[in-house]
N, C-alpha and C. Protein backbone atom coordinates (compact mmCIF):
# COMPACT_ATOMS: atom_id res chain seq x y z
N MET A 1 27.09 -65.34 61.83
CA MET A 1 27.46 -64.18 62.64
C MET A 1 26.45 -63.06 62.43
N MET A 2 26.02 -62.46 63.52
CA MET A 2 25.06 -61.37 63.43
C MET A 2 25.74 -60.10 62.95
N ASN A 3 25.10 -59.40 62.02
CA ASN A 3 25.58 -58.10 61.58
C ASN A 3 24.78 -57.02 62.30
N PHE A 4 25.49 -56.12 62.98
CA PHE A 4 24.81 -55.06 63.74
C PHE A 4 25.70 -53.84 63.74
N GLN A 5 25.14 -52.71 63.33
CA GLN A 5 25.92 -51.47 63.21
C GLN A 5 25.44 -50.41 64.18
N VAL A 6 26.39 -49.79 64.86
CA VAL A 6 26.10 -48.69 65.77
C VAL A 6 26.88 -47.47 65.30
N ALA A 7 26.20 -46.35 65.14
CA ALA A 7 26.83 -45.10 64.71
C ALA A 7 26.79 -44.09 65.85
N ILE A 8 27.94 -43.58 66.23
CA ILE A 8 28.02 -42.55 67.28
C ILE A 8 28.69 -41.31 66.71
N ASP A 9 27.96 -40.22 66.71
CA ASP A 9 28.48 -38.95 66.19
C ASP A 9 28.53 -37.92 67.30
N GLY A 10 29.25 -36.83 67.03
CA GLY A 10 29.31 -35.74 67.98
C GLY A 10 30.51 -34.85 67.73
N PRO A 11 30.51 -33.65 68.31
CA PRO A 11 31.60 -32.70 68.11
C PRO A 11 32.86 -33.09 68.87
N ALA A 12 33.93 -32.36 68.65
CA ALA A 12 35.22 -32.62 69.31
C ALA A 12 35.06 -32.57 70.83
N GLY A 13 35.62 -33.56 71.51
CA GLY A 13 35.60 -33.57 72.96
C GLY A 13 34.30 -34.03 73.60
N SER A 14 33.37 -34.53 72.80
CA SER A 14 32.09 -34.98 73.36
C SER A 14 32.20 -36.34 74.02
N GLY A 15 33.34 -36.99 73.86
CA GLY A 15 33.55 -38.29 74.49
C GLY A 15 33.37 -39.48 73.58
N LYS A 16 33.22 -39.23 72.28
CA LYS A 16 32.95 -40.31 71.32
C LYS A 16 33.97 -41.44 71.38
N SER A 17 35.23 -41.08 71.23
CA SER A 17 36.27 -42.09 71.13
C SER A 17 36.43 -42.89 72.43
N SER A 18 36.49 -42.17 73.55
CA SER A 18 36.67 -42.84 74.84
C SER A 18 35.50 -43.78 75.15
N VAL A 19 34.30 -43.27 74.95
CA VAL A 19 33.10 -44.08 75.20
C VAL A 19 33.03 -45.26 74.24
N SER A 20 33.32 -45.00 72.98
CA SER A 20 33.23 -46.06 71.97
C SER A 20 34.20 -47.20 72.26
N LYS A 21 35.41 -46.87 72.73
CA LYS A 21 36.39 -47.90 73.08
C LYS A 21 35.86 -48.80 74.18
N ILE A 22 35.31 -48.19 75.23
CA ILE A 22 34.83 -48.95 76.38
C ILE A 22 33.63 -49.81 75.99
N VAL A 23 32.68 -49.21 75.28
CA VAL A 23 31.46 -49.92 74.89
C VAL A 23 31.79 -51.07 73.95
N SER A 24 32.66 -50.82 72.98
CA SER A 24 33.04 -51.86 72.02
C SER A 24 33.68 -53.05 72.72
N LYS A 25 34.56 -52.76 73.66
CA LYS A 25 35.24 -53.83 74.40
C LYS A 25 34.23 -54.61 75.24
N ALA A 26 33.30 -53.91 75.87
CA ALA A 26 32.32 -54.56 76.73
C ALA A 26 31.40 -55.48 75.95
N LEU A 27 31.09 -55.11 74.71
CA LEU A 27 30.14 -55.88 73.90
C LEU A 27 30.81 -56.77 72.86
N GLY A 28 32.12 -56.67 72.73
CA GLY A 28 32.83 -57.47 71.73
C GLY A 28 32.62 -56.98 70.31
N PHE A 29 32.41 -55.66 70.16
CA PHE A 29 32.20 -55.06 68.84
C PHE A 29 33.54 -54.62 68.25
N LYS A 30 33.61 -54.52 66.95
CA LYS A 30 34.76 -53.90 66.28
C LYS A 30 34.58 -52.38 66.34
N HIS A 31 35.58 -51.67 66.87
CA HIS A 31 35.50 -50.22 66.99
C HIS A 31 36.23 -49.55 65.85
N ILE A 32 35.56 -48.64 65.17
CA ILE A 32 36.17 -47.88 64.07
C ILE A 32 36.14 -46.41 64.43
N ASP A 33 37.30 -45.87 64.79
CA ASP A 33 37.44 -44.46 65.17
C ASP A 33 37.78 -43.66 63.91
N THR A 34 36.76 -43.11 63.26
CA THR A 34 37.00 -42.40 62.00
C THR A 34 37.79 -41.11 62.21
N GLY A 35 37.64 -40.50 63.39
CA GLY A 35 38.41 -39.30 63.69
C GLY A 35 39.90 -39.59 63.68
N ALA A 36 40.27 -40.76 64.19
CA ALA A 36 41.68 -41.16 64.19
C ALA A 36 42.19 -41.34 62.77
N MET A 37 41.31 -41.80 61.88
CA MET A 37 41.70 -41.99 60.49
C MET A 37 42.01 -40.64 59.84
N TYR A 38 41.16 -39.65 60.06
CA TYR A 38 41.40 -38.33 59.49
C TYR A 38 42.63 -37.67 60.13
N ARG A 39 42.86 -37.95 61.40
CA ARG A 39 44.05 -37.44 62.07
C ARG A 39 45.32 -38.04 61.46
N ALA A 40 45.25 -39.33 61.13
CA ALA A 40 46.41 -40.00 60.52
C ALA A 40 46.73 -39.38 59.16
N VAL A 41 45.69 -39.08 58.40
CA VAL A 41 45.89 -38.43 57.10
C VAL A 41 46.53 -37.05 57.32
N THR A 42 46.04 -36.33 58.33
CA THR A 42 46.59 -35.01 58.64
C THR A 42 48.06 -35.11 59.04
N LEU A 43 48.38 -36.11 59.86
CA LEU A 43 49.77 -36.32 60.27
C LEU A 43 50.67 -36.55 59.07
N GLU A 44 50.20 -37.37 58.13
CA GLU A 44 50.99 -37.67 56.94
C GLU A 44 51.14 -36.43 56.06
N ALA A 45 50.06 -35.65 55.95
CA ALA A 45 50.11 -34.42 55.14
C ALA A 45 51.11 -33.43 55.73
N LEU A 46 51.12 -33.31 57.05
CA LEU A 46 52.07 -32.41 57.71
C LEU A 46 53.50 -32.91 57.53
N LYS A 47 53.67 -34.22 57.62
CA LYS A 47 54.99 -34.82 57.43
C LYS A 47 55.53 -34.52 56.03
N ARG A 48 54.63 -34.57 55.04
CA ARG A 48 55.04 -34.32 53.65
C ARG A 48 55.15 -32.84 53.33
N LYS A 49 54.68 -31.99 54.25
CA LYS A 49 54.73 -30.53 54.11
C LYS A 49 54.02 -30.05 52.85
N ILE A 50 52.86 -30.66 52.58
CA ILE A 50 52.07 -30.24 51.43
C ILE A 50 51.28 -28.98 51.78
N ASP A 51 50.72 -28.35 50.78
CA ASP A 51 49.81 -27.23 51.00
C ASP A 51 48.47 -27.84 51.43
N LEU A 52 48.11 -27.69 52.69
CA LEU A 52 46.91 -28.33 53.22
C LEU A 52 45.63 -27.83 52.56
N ASN A 53 45.69 -26.67 51.92
CA ASN A 53 44.52 -26.11 51.25
C ASN A 53 44.32 -26.67 49.84
N ASP A 54 45.35 -27.32 49.31
CA ASP A 54 45.32 -27.82 47.94
C ASP A 54 44.84 -29.26 47.91
N GLU A 55 43.61 -29.47 47.47
CA GLU A 55 43.03 -30.81 47.45
C GLU A 55 43.83 -31.77 46.57
N HIS A 56 44.42 -31.28 45.52
CA HIS A 56 45.19 -32.13 44.60
C HIS A 56 46.46 -32.68 45.26
N ALA A 57 46.91 -32.04 46.32
CA ALA A 57 48.13 -32.46 46.99
C ALA A 57 47.95 -33.74 47.81
N TYR A 58 46.69 -34.19 47.94
CA TYR A 58 46.42 -35.38 48.76
C TYR A 58 46.40 -36.67 47.93
N SER A 59 46.99 -36.64 46.76
CA SER A 59 47.02 -37.83 45.91
C SER A 59 47.78 -38.98 46.58
N PHE A 60 48.59 -38.67 47.59
CA PHE A 60 49.32 -39.71 48.31
C PHE A 60 48.39 -40.72 48.98
N LEU A 61 47.11 -40.35 49.13
CA LEU A 61 46.14 -41.26 49.74
C LEU A 61 45.95 -42.53 48.92
N ASN A 62 46.23 -42.46 47.63
CA ASN A 62 46.08 -43.62 46.76
C ASN A 62 47.06 -44.74 47.13
N GLU A 63 48.16 -44.39 47.80
CA GLU A 63 49.16 -45.39 48.19
C GLU A 63 49.27 -45.55 49.70
N LEU A 64 48.49 -44.81 50.45
CA LEU A 64 48.60 -44.81 51.91
C LEU A 64 48.10 -46.12 52.51
N ASP A 65 48.90 -46.69 53.41
CA ASP A 65 48.51 -47.91 54.13
C ASP A 65 48.01 -47.48 55.51
N LEU A 66 46.68 -47.52 55.70
CA LEU A 66 46.06 -47.06 56.93
C LEU A 66 45.24 -48.20 57.53
N ARG A 67 45.58 -48.59 58.76
CA ARG A 67 44.90 -49.72 59.39
C ARG A 67 44.54 -49.41 60.84
N LEU A 68 43.40 -49.97 61.27
CA LEU A 68 42.96 -49.89 62.66
C LEU A 68 43.00 -51.29 63.25
N GLU A 69 43.80 -51.47 64.30
CA GLU A 69 43.92 -52.78 64.92
C GLU A 69 44.05 -52.64 66.44
N HIS A 70 43.15 -53.30 67.18
CA HIS A 70 43.23 -53.34 68.64
C HIS A 70 43.36 -51.94 69.25
N GLU A 71 42.50 -51.04 68.82
CA GLU A 71 42.43 -49.66 69.31
C GLU A 71 43.71 -48.87 69.03
N LYS A 72 44.49 -49.30 68.08
CA LYS A 72 45.66 -48.56 67.64
C LYS A 72 45.53 -48.28 66.14
N ILE A 73 46.13 -47.19 65.70
CA ILE A 73 46.08 -46.86 64.28
C ILE A 73 47.50 -46.90 63.71
N TYR A 74 47.61 -47.60 62.59
CA TYR A 74 48.91 -47.80 61.95
C TYR A 74 48.94 -47.07 60.61
N LEU A 75 50.01 -46.31 60.41
CA LEU A 75 50.20 -45.54 59.19
C LEU A 75 51.47 -46.04 58.52
N ASN A 76 51.30 -46.65 57.37
CA ASN A 76 52.44 -47.24 56.65
C ASN A 76 53.27 -48.16 57.56
N GLY A 77 52.55 -48.95 58.35
CA GLY A 77 53.19 -49.95 59.21
C GLY A 77 53.63 -49.45 60.57
N GLN A 78 53.52 -48.16 60.84
CA GLN A 78 53.96 -47.61 62.12
C GLN A 78 52.77 -47.23 62.99
N ASP A 79 52.87 -47.52 64.29
CA ASP A 79 51.84 -47.14 65.25
C ASP A 79 51.94 -45.64 65.51
N VAL A 80 50.91 -44.90 65.10
CA VAL A 80 50.92 -43.44 65.26
C VAL A 80 49.81 -42.98 66.22
N SER A 81 49.35 -43.88 67.07
CA SER A 81 48.22 -43.61 67.95
C SER A 81 48.45 -42.39 68.83
N LYS A 82 49.67 -42.16 69.28
CA LYS A 82 49.97 -41.00 70.12
C LYS A 82 50.27 -39.76 69.28
N LYS A 83 50.97 -39.95 68.19
CA LYS A 83 51.35 -38.80 67.35
C LYS A 83 50.15 -38.07 66.78
N ILE A 84 49.07 -38.79 66.49
CA ILE A 84 47.90 -38.14 65.89
C ILE A 84 47.14 -37.25 66.88
N ARG A 85 47.50 -37.32 68.17
CA ARG A 85 46.82 -36.50 69.19
C ARG A 85 47.58 -35.21 69.48
N SER A 86 48.59 -34.91 68.70
CA SER A 86 49.37 -33.68 68.93
C SER A 86 48.53 -32.44 68.64
N LEU A 87 48.95 -31.31 69.20
CA LEU A 87 48.24 -30.05 68.98
C LEU A 87 48.26 -29.65 67.50
N GLU A 88 49.39 -29.89 66.83
CA GLU A 88 49.50 -29.51 65.42
C GLU A 88 48.49 -30.28 64.57
N VAL A 89 48.33 -31.56 64.84
CA VAL A 89 47.33 -32.35 64.11
C VAL A 89 45.94 -31.87 64.45
N THR A 90 45.67 -31.64 65.74
CA THR A 90 44.35 -31.19 66.18
C THR A 90 43.95 -29.89 65.50
N ARG A 91 44.90 -28.99 65.34
CA ARG A 91 44.59 -27.68 64.77
C ARG A 91 44.39 -27.72 63.26
N ASN A 92 44.79 -28.79 62.60
CA ASN A 92 44.69 -28.86 61.14
C ASN A 92 43.74 -29.92 60.61
N VAL A 93 43.25 -30.81 61.47
CA VAL A 93 42.45 -31.93 60.99
C VAL A 93 41.12 -31.49 60.36
N SER A 94 40.51 -30.43 60.85
CA SER A 94 39.25 -29.97 60.26
C SER A 94 39.45 -29.53 58.81
N LEU A 95 40.55 -28.82 58.55
CA LEU A 95 40.84 -28.38 57.18
C LEU A 95 41.09 -29.58 56.28
N VAL A 96 41.91 -30.51 56.73
CA VAL A 96 42.23 -31.69 55.93
C VAL A 96 40.97 -32.50 55.62
N SER A 97 40.14 -32.70 56.63
CA SER A 97 38.95 -33.54 56.45
C SER A 97 37.82 -32.84 55.70
N SER A 98 38.01 -31.55 55.38
CA SER A 98 36.97 -30.83 54.64
C SER A 98 37.05 -31.08 53.13
N HIS A 99 38.15 -31.65 52.67
CA HIS A 99 38.34 -31.86 51.23
C HIS A 99 37.54 -33.07 50.74
N LYS A 100 36.86 -32.90 49.62
CA LYS A 100 36.03 -33.95 49.06
C LYS A 100 36.82 -35.22 48.77
N PHE A 101 37.99 -35.08 48.19
CA PHE A 101 38.80 -36.24 47.83
C PHE A 101 39.19 -37.03 49.08
N VAL A 102 39.58 -36.32 50.13
CA VAL A 102 39.97 -36.98 51.39
C VAL A 102 38.79 -37.74 51.97
N ARG A 103 37.64 -37.10 52.02
CA ARG A 103 36.46 -37.73 52.62
C ARG A 103 36.01 -38.94 51.80
N GLU A 104 36.04 -38.83 50.49
CA GLU A 104 35.63 -39.95 49.66
C GLU A 104 36.51 -41.17 49.89
N LYS A 105 37.82 -40.95 49.99
CA LYS A 105 38.76 -42.05 50.23
C LYS A 105 38.52 -42.69 51.59
N MET A 106 38.35 -41.86 52.62
CA MET A 106 38.16 -42.38 53.98
C MET A 106 36.81 -43.07 54.14
N ILE A 107 35.77 -42.51 53.55
CA ILE A 107 34.43 -43.10 53.67
C ILE A 107 34.37 -44.45 52.97
N GLU A 108 35.03 -44.56 51.84
CA GLU A 108 35.10 -45.85 51.14
C GLU A 108 35.75 -46.90 52.03
N LEU A 109 36.83 -46.53 52.68
CA LEU A 109 37.53 -47.45 53.58
C LEU A 109 36.67 -47.79 54.79
N GLN A 110 36.02 -46.79 55.35
CA GLN A 110 35.17 -47.00 56.52
C GLN A 110 34.01 -47.95 56.22
N LYS A 111 33.37 -47.77 55.08
CA LYS A 111 32.26 -48.63 54.71
C LYS A 111 32.71 -50.07 54.50
N ASN A 112 33.87 -50.25 53.92
CA ASN A 112 34.39 -51.60 53.70
C ASN A 112 34.69 -52.31 55.01
N ILE A 113 35.23 -51.57 55.97
CA ILE A 113 35.54 -52.16 57.28
C ILE A 113 34.26 -52.61 57.99
N ALA A 114 33.17 -51.87 57.77
CA ALA A 114 31.93 -52.11 58.51
C ALA A 114 30.99 -53.12 57.86
N LEU A 115 31.45 -53.80 56.81
CA LEU A 115 30.55 -54.68 56.06
C LEU A 115 30.05 -55.89 56.86
N LYS A 116 30.90 -56.46 57.71
CA LYS A 116 30.53 -57.70 58.39
C LYS A 116 30.70 -57.60 59.90
N GLY A 117 29.86 -58.36 60.61
CA GLY A 117 29.97 -58.46 62.05
C GLY A 117 29.31 -57.31 62.79
N CYS A 118 29.63 -57.21 64.08
CA CYS A 118 29.09 -56.16 64.92
C CYS A 118 30.09 -55.02 65.00
N VAL A 119 29.68 -53.85 64.56
CA VAL A 119 30.59 -52.71 64.40
C VAL A 119 30.06 -51.49 65.13
N LEU A 120 30.95 -50.79 65.82
CA LEU A 120 30.62 -49.49 66.40
C LEU A 120 31.56 -48.47 65.78
N MET A 121 31.00 -47.52 65.07
CA MET A 121 31.79 -46.52 64.36
C MET A 121 31.46 -45.14 64.91
N ASP A 122 32.49 -44.37 65.25
CA ASP A 122 32.23 -43.01 65.73
C ASP A 122 32.88 -41.97 64.84
N GLY A 123 32.25 -40.80 64.78
CA GLY A 123 32.75 -39.73 63.93
C GLY A 123 31.84 -38.52 63.95
N ARG A 124 31.68 -37.88 62.77
CA ARG A 124 30.86 -36.68 62.68
C ARG A 124 29.75 -36.78 61.63
N ASP A 125 29.87 -37.75 60.74
CA ASP A 125 28.84 -37.90 59.69
C ASP A 125 28.44 -39.36 59.52
N ILE A 126 28.59 -40.14 60.57
CA ILE A 126 28.38 -41.59 60.46
C ILE A 126 26.89 -41.92 60.30
N GLY A 127 26.06 -41.36 61.16
CA GLY A 127 24.65 -41.73 61.18
C GLY A 127 23.87 -41.38 59.93
N TYR A 128 24.23 -40.29 59.26
CA TYR A 128 23.45 -39.89 58.08
C TYR A 128 24.18 -40.13 56.77
N ASN A 129 25.50 -40.43 56.84
CA ASN A 129 26.26 -40.53 55.60
C ASN A 129 26.99 -41.86 55.44
N VAL A 130 27.86 -42.20 56.40
CA VAL A 130 28.67 -43.42 56.26
C VAL A 130 27.84 -44.67 56.49
N LEU A 131 27.06 -44.68 57.58
CA LEU A 131 26.20 -45.83 57.92
C LEU A 131 24.76 -45.37 58.10
N PRO A 132 24.12 -44.93 57.02
CA PRO A 132 22.76 -44.40 57.15
C PRO A 132 21.73 -45.44 57.58
N ASN A 133 22.06 -46.72 57.44
CA ASN A 133 21.15 -47.79 57.84
C ASN A 133 21.57 -48.47 59.13
N ALA A 134 22.39 -47.80 59.93
CA ALA A 134 22.85 -48.36 61.20
C ALA A 134 21.67 -48.71 62.09
N ASN A 135 21.81 -49.79 62.85
CA ASN A 135 20.74 -50.25 63.73
C ASN A 135 20.48 -49.27 64.87
N ILE A 136 21.55 -48.70 65.40
CA ILE A 136 21.46 -47.72 66.49
C ILE A 136 22.27 -46.50 66.12
N LYS A 137 21.68 -45.31 66.28
CA LYS A 137 22.39 -44.06 66.02
C LYS A 137 22.31 -43.17 67.26
N ILE A 138 23.46 -42.68 67.68
CA ILE A 138 23.54 -41.84 68.87
C ILE A 138 24.35 -40.59 68.55
N PHE A 139 23.87 -39.45 69.02
CA PHE A 139 24.60 -38.19 68.84
C PHE A 139 24.97 -37.67 70.22
N LEU A 140 26.27 -37.70 70.54
CA LEU A 140 26.76 -37.21 71.82
C LEU A 140 27.08 -35.72 71.74
N THR A 141 26.79 -35.01 72.80
CA THR A 141 27.14 -33.60 72.86
C THR A 141 27.51 -33.24 74.29
N ALA A 142 28.07 -32.05 74.48
CA ALA A 142 28.44 -31.54 75.80
C ALA A 142 28.78 -30.08 75.64
N SER A 143 28.80 -29.34 76.74
CA SER A 143 29.16 -27.92 76.67
C SER A 143 30.60 -27.78 76.19
N SER A 144 30.90 -26.65 75.56
CA SER A 144 32.27 -26.44 75.08
C SER A 144 33.25 -26.36 76.24
N GLU A 145 32.79 -25.87 77.40
CA GLU A 145 33.67 -25.81 78.58
C GLU A 145 34.08 -27.21 79.02
N LYS A 146 33.12 -28.11 79.08
CA LYS A 146 33.41 -29.47 79.52
C LYS A 146 34.27 -30.20 78.49
N ARG A 147 34.02 -29.96 77.23
CA ARG A 147 34.80 -30.61 76.18
C ARG A 147 36.24 -30.11 76.18
N ALA A 148 36.42 -28.82 76.48
CA ALA A 148 37.78 -28.26 76.56
C ALA A 148 38.55 -28.92 77.71
N LEU A 149 37.89 -29.12 78.83
CA LEU A 149 38.53 -29.76 79.98
C LEU A 149 38.95 -31.19 79.62
N ARG A 150 38.08 -31.91 78.93
CA ARG A 150 38.41 -33.28 78.53
C ARG A 150 39.61 -33.30 77.58
N ARG A 151 39.63 -32.38 76.65
CA ARG A 151 40.74 -32.32 75.70
C ARG A 151 42.04 -31.97 76.42
N TYR A 152 41.96 -31.07 77.36
CA TYR A 152 43.14 -30.69 78.15
C TYR A 152 43.70 -31.90 78.89
N MET A 153 42.82 -32.70 79.47
CA MET A 153 43.24 -33.87 80.23
C MET A 153 43.87 -34.94 79.34
N GLU A 154 43.53 -34.93 78.05
CA GLU A 154 44.09 -35.89 77.10
C GLU A 154 45.54 -35.56 76.74
N LEU A 155 45.89 -34.29 76.81
CA LEU A 155 47.21 -33.84 76.36
C LEU A 155 48.29 -34.26 77.34
N GLU A 156 49.36 -34.85 76.82
CA GLU A 156 50.47 -35.25 77.67
C GLU A 156 51.33 -34.05 78.06
N GLU A 157 51.45 -33.10 77.14
CA GLU A 157 52.23 -31.88 77.41
C GLU A 157 51.26 -30.74 77.67
N LYS A 158 51.10 -30.35 78.95
CA LYS A 158 50.11 -29.34 79.32
C LYS A 158 50.74 -27.99 79.67
N GLU A 159 52.07 -27.95 79.75
CA GLU A 159 52.73 -26.76 80.28
C GLU A 159 52.42 -25.49 79.48
N ASN A 160 52.39 -25.61 78.15
CA ASN A 160 52.22 -24.43 77.31
C ASN A 160 50.81 -24.28 76.75
N VAL A 161 49.86 -24.90 77.41
CA VAL A 161 48.47 -24.88 76.93
C VAL A 161 47.55 -24.47 78.08
N ASN A 162 46.55 -23.63 77.77
CA ASN A 162 45.54 -23.34 78.79
C ASN A 162 44.16 -23.69 78.26
N ILE A 163 43.26 -23.95 79.19
CA ILE A 163 41.94 -24.47 78.83
C ILE A 163 41.15 -23.47 77.99
N LYS A 164 41.30 -22.17 78.25
CA LYS A 164 40.56 -21.17 77.49
C LYS A 164 40.92 -21.21 76.01
N ASP A 165 42.21 -21.38 75.73
CA ASP A 165 42.64 -21.49 74.33
C ASP A 165 42.08 -22.74 73.68
N ILE A 166 42.08 -23.84 74.43
CA ILE A 166 41.53 -25.09 73.90
C ILE A 166 40.04 -24.93 73.62
N GLN A 167 39.33 -24.23 74.51
CA GLN A 167 37.89 -24.02 74.31
C GLN A 167 37.64 -23.20 73.05
N LYS A 168 38.45 -22.17 72.82
CA LYS A 168 38.29 -21.36 71.61
C LYS A 168 38.53 -22.20 70.36
N GLU A 169 39.54 -23.06 70.42
CA GLU A 169 39.84 -23.93 69.27
C GLU A 169 38.71 -24.92 69.02
N ILE A 170 38.12 -25.45 70.10
CA ILE A 170 37.00 -26.38 69.97
C ILE A 170 35.80 -25.69 69.34
N GLU A 171 35.51 -24.47 69.80
CA GLU A 171 34.37 -23.74 69.25
C GLU A 171 34.59 -23.39 67.79
N LEU A 172 35.85 -23.07 67.43
CA LEU A 172 36.17 -22.81 66.02
C LEU A 172 36.00 -24.09 65.20
N ARG A 173 36.46 -25.21 65.75
CA ARG A 173 36.33 -26.46 65.03
C ARG A 173 34.86 -26.85 64.88
N ASP A 174 34.06 -26.61 65.91
CA ASP A 174 32.61 -26.85 65.81
C ASP A 174 32.03 -26.11 64.61
N TYR A 175 32.43 -24.84 64.50
CA TYR A 175 31.91 -24.02 63.40
C TYR A 175 32.37 -24.57 62.05
N MET A 176 33.65 -24.89 61.96
CA MET A 176 34.20 -25.39 60.70
C MET A 176 33.56 -26.74 60.31
N ASP A 177 33.44 -27.64 61.29
CA ASP A 177 32.88 -28.96 61.01
C ASP A 177 31.40 -28.87 60.63
N SER A 178 30.68 -27.98 61.28
CA SER A 178 29.23 -27.86 61.04
C SER A 178 28.90 -27.11 59.75
N ASN A 179 29.85 -26.30 59.26
CA ASN A 179 29.57 -25.46 58.10
C ASN A 179 30.34 -25.85 56.84
N ARG A 180 31.10 -26.93 56.90
CA ARG A 180 31.79 -27.36 55.68
C ARG A 180 30.78 -27.87 54.68
N LYS A 181 31.08 -27.74 53.40
CA LYS A 181 30.15 -28.12 52.34
C LYS A 181 30.02 -29.64 52.21
N ILE A 182 31.11 -30.36 52.46
CA ILE A 182 31.13 -31.81 52.27
C ILE A 182 30.92 -32.52 53.60
N ASN A 183 29.80 -33.25 53.73
CA ASN A 183 29.52 -34.07 54.91
C ASN A 183 29.75 -33.33 56.23
N PRO A 184 29.01 -32.27 56.50
CA PRO A 184 29.21 -31.52 57.74
C PRO A 184 28.78 -32.31 58.98
N LEU A 185 29.24 -31.86 60.13
CA LEU A 185 28.81 -32.43 61.39
C LEU A 185 27.33 -32.11 61.60
N LYS A 186 26.52 -33.14 61.77
CA LYS A 186 25.11 -32.91 62.09
C LYS A 186 24.50 -34.20 62.62
N LYS A 187 23.42 -34.03 63.33
CA LYS A 187 22.70 -35.17 63.92
C LYS A 187 21.77 -35.78 62.89
N ALA A 188 21.82 -37.10 62.74
CA ALA A 188 20.87 -37.79 61.87
C ALA A 188 19.47 -37.63 62.47
N SER A 189 18.47 -37.54 61.62
CA SER A 189 17.11 -37.29 62.10
C SER A 189 16.60 -38.38 63.04
N ASP A 190 17.11 -39.60 62.89
CA ASP A 190 16.66 -40.71 63.73
C ASP A 190 17.67 -41.09 64.82
N ALA A 191 18.62 -40.20 65.09
CA ALA A 191 19.62 -40.47 66.13
C ALA A 191 19.11 -40.05 67.50
N ILE A 192 19.58 -40.74 68.52
CA ILE A 192 19.25 -40.42 69.91
C ILE A 192 20.24 -39.38 70.42
N LEU A 193 19.75 -38.26 70.91
CA LEU A 193 20.60 -37.19 71.43
C LEU A 193 20.94 -37.48 72.89
N LEU A 194 22.25 -37.46 73.22
CA LEU A 194 22.69 -37.73 74.58
C LEU A 194 23.69 -36.66 75.00
N ASP A 195 23.26 -35.80 75.94
CA ASP A 195 24.12 -34.73 76.46
C ASP A 195 24.96 -35.30 77.60
N THR A 196 26.28 -35.28 77.44
CA THR A 196 27.18 -35.89 78.42
C THR A 196 27.81 -34.89 79.38
N THR A 197 27.38 -33.64 79.34
CA THR A 197 28.02 -32.59 80.14
C THR A 197 28.11 -32.96 81.62
N ASP A 198 27.01 -33.43 82.17
CA ASP A 198 26.95 -33.73 83.60
C ASP A 198 26.97 -35.22 83.90
N LEU A 199 27.42 -36.01 82.94
CA LEU A 199 27.47 -37.46 83.13
C LEU A 199 28.92 -37.94 83.21
N SER A 200 29.15 -38.94 84.04
CA SER A 200 30.47 -39.56 84.08
C SER A 200 30.61 -40.48 82.88
N ILE A 201 31.83 -40.86 82.56
CA ILE A 201 32.04 -41.75 81.42
C ILE A 201 31.35 -43.09 81.64
N ASP A 202 31.32 -43.55 82.90
CA ASP A 202 30.64 -44.82 83.20
C ASP A 202 29.14 -44.71 82.97
N GLU A 203 28.56 -43.57 83.33
CA GLU A 203 27.12 -43.37 83.13
C GLU A 203 26.78 -43.35 81.65
N VAL A 204 27.62 -42.68 80.86
CA VAL A 204 27.38 -42.61 79.42
C VAL A 204 27.49 -44.01 78.80
N CYS A 205 28.53 -44.74 79.19
CA CYS A 205 28.74 -46.08 78.65
C CYS A 205 27.59 -47.02 79.02
N ASP A 206 27.16 -46.95 80.27
CA ASP A 206 26.04 -47.81 80.71
C ASP A 206 24.78 -47.54 79.90
N CYS A 207 24.52 -46.26 79.64
CA CYS A 207 23.34 -45.87 78.87
C CYS A 207 23.43 -46.42 77.45
N ILE A 208 24.58 -46.26 76.82
CA ILE A 208 24.74 -46.71 75.43
C ILE A 208 24.72 -48.24 75.34
N ILE A 209 25.34 -48.90 76.29
CA ILE A 209 25.32 -50.37 76.29
C ILE A 209 23.89 -50.88 76.37
N LYS A 210 23.07 -50.26 77.22
CA LYS A 210 21.66 -50.67 77.33
C LYS A 210 20.92 -50.45 76.02
N LEU A 211 21.16 -49.31 75.38
CA LEU A 211 20.51 -49.02 74.10
C LEU A 211 20.88 -50.08 73.05
N ILE A 212 22.16 -50.45 73.02
CA ILE A 212 22.62 -51.43 72.03
C ILE A 212 22.04 -52.81 72.33
N LYS A 213 22.08 -53.22 73.59
CA LYS A 213 21.54 -54.54 73.95
C LYS A 213 20.06 -54.64 73.63
N ASP A 214 19.32 -53.58 73.94
CA ASP A 214 17.89 -53.56 73.62
C ASP A 214 17.69 -53.64 72.11
N GLY A 215 18.52 -52.91 71.36
CA GLY A 215 18.41 -52.92 69.90
C GLY A 215 18.73 -54.28 69.32
N MET A 216 19.71 -54.95 69.88
CA MET A 216 20.08 -56.29 69.39
C MET A 216 18.99 -57.31 69.69
N GLU A 217 18.36 -57.18 70.83
CA GLU A 217 17.25 -58.08 71.18
C GLU A 217 16.09 -57.87 70.22
N ASN A 218 15.79 -56.63 69.91
CA ASN A 218 14.71 -56.34 68.95
C ASN A 218 15.03 -56.89 67.57
N ALA A 219 16.30 -56.74 67.17
CA ALA A 219 16.73 -57.26 65.86
C ALA A 219 16.60 -58.77 65.79
N LYS A 220 16.95 -59.44 66.87
CA LYS A 220 16.84 -60.91 66.92
C LYS A 220 15.39 -61.35 66.81
N ARG A 221 14.51 -60.64 67.52
CA ARG A 221 13.08 -61.00 67.47
C ARG A 221 12.52 -60.80 66.07
N CYS A 222 12.97 -59.75 65.40
CA CYS A 222 12.47 -59.47 64.05
C CYS A 222 12.94 -60.53 63.05
N ASN A 223 14.09 -61.15 63.33
CA ASN A 223 14.65 -62.14 62.41
C ASN A 223 14.19 -63.57 62.72
N GLU A 224 13.45 -63.74 63.81
CA GLU A 224 12.99 -65.09 64.17
C GLU A 224 11.81 -65.53 63.32
């Protein structure tokens, strides 16, 4: 079996998860949504009503059963794929994921999942930290206005939310993610920058699929 790693990074709402799901399915890759993993941890922390600022309060991670299967995320045996997309989780995930202990636990799990086969992993520190030797690295970006619209469209309950508030939250999260001390959001030096502001999801997927196919062909030739 060929081992091939693709790392896709980018800020909130840049289209990482949606694009990664489509591309992974099209190419038969294993998709690892690291953002969903941090959201699941945040959901559990909120459920336990711990002090989110206290890193020592996350010791529950030592017993947490967290699994990714068929584009769904399971927390202690329960499918929480929808629950992790709530506004409460969205507003707290940056704080939770800023803790060193949390990141170390999640990165260890992410690296173990990506050991074999063809893997596409998306997140914020994949290209330079989790999979620094990935065959293909892509950094997706888009204007905060466009990302806010995408996030708004994802929400099932839109009545009490407006796009301007979502945009402010996205810009705040950009700042928090980019300025945290542990594994901040940033583009790997050898990553391909792809601005998705004016591109449809199909156009983005087609571009990434071509990049991956070309990369796999080059890898095959090098191994012959």
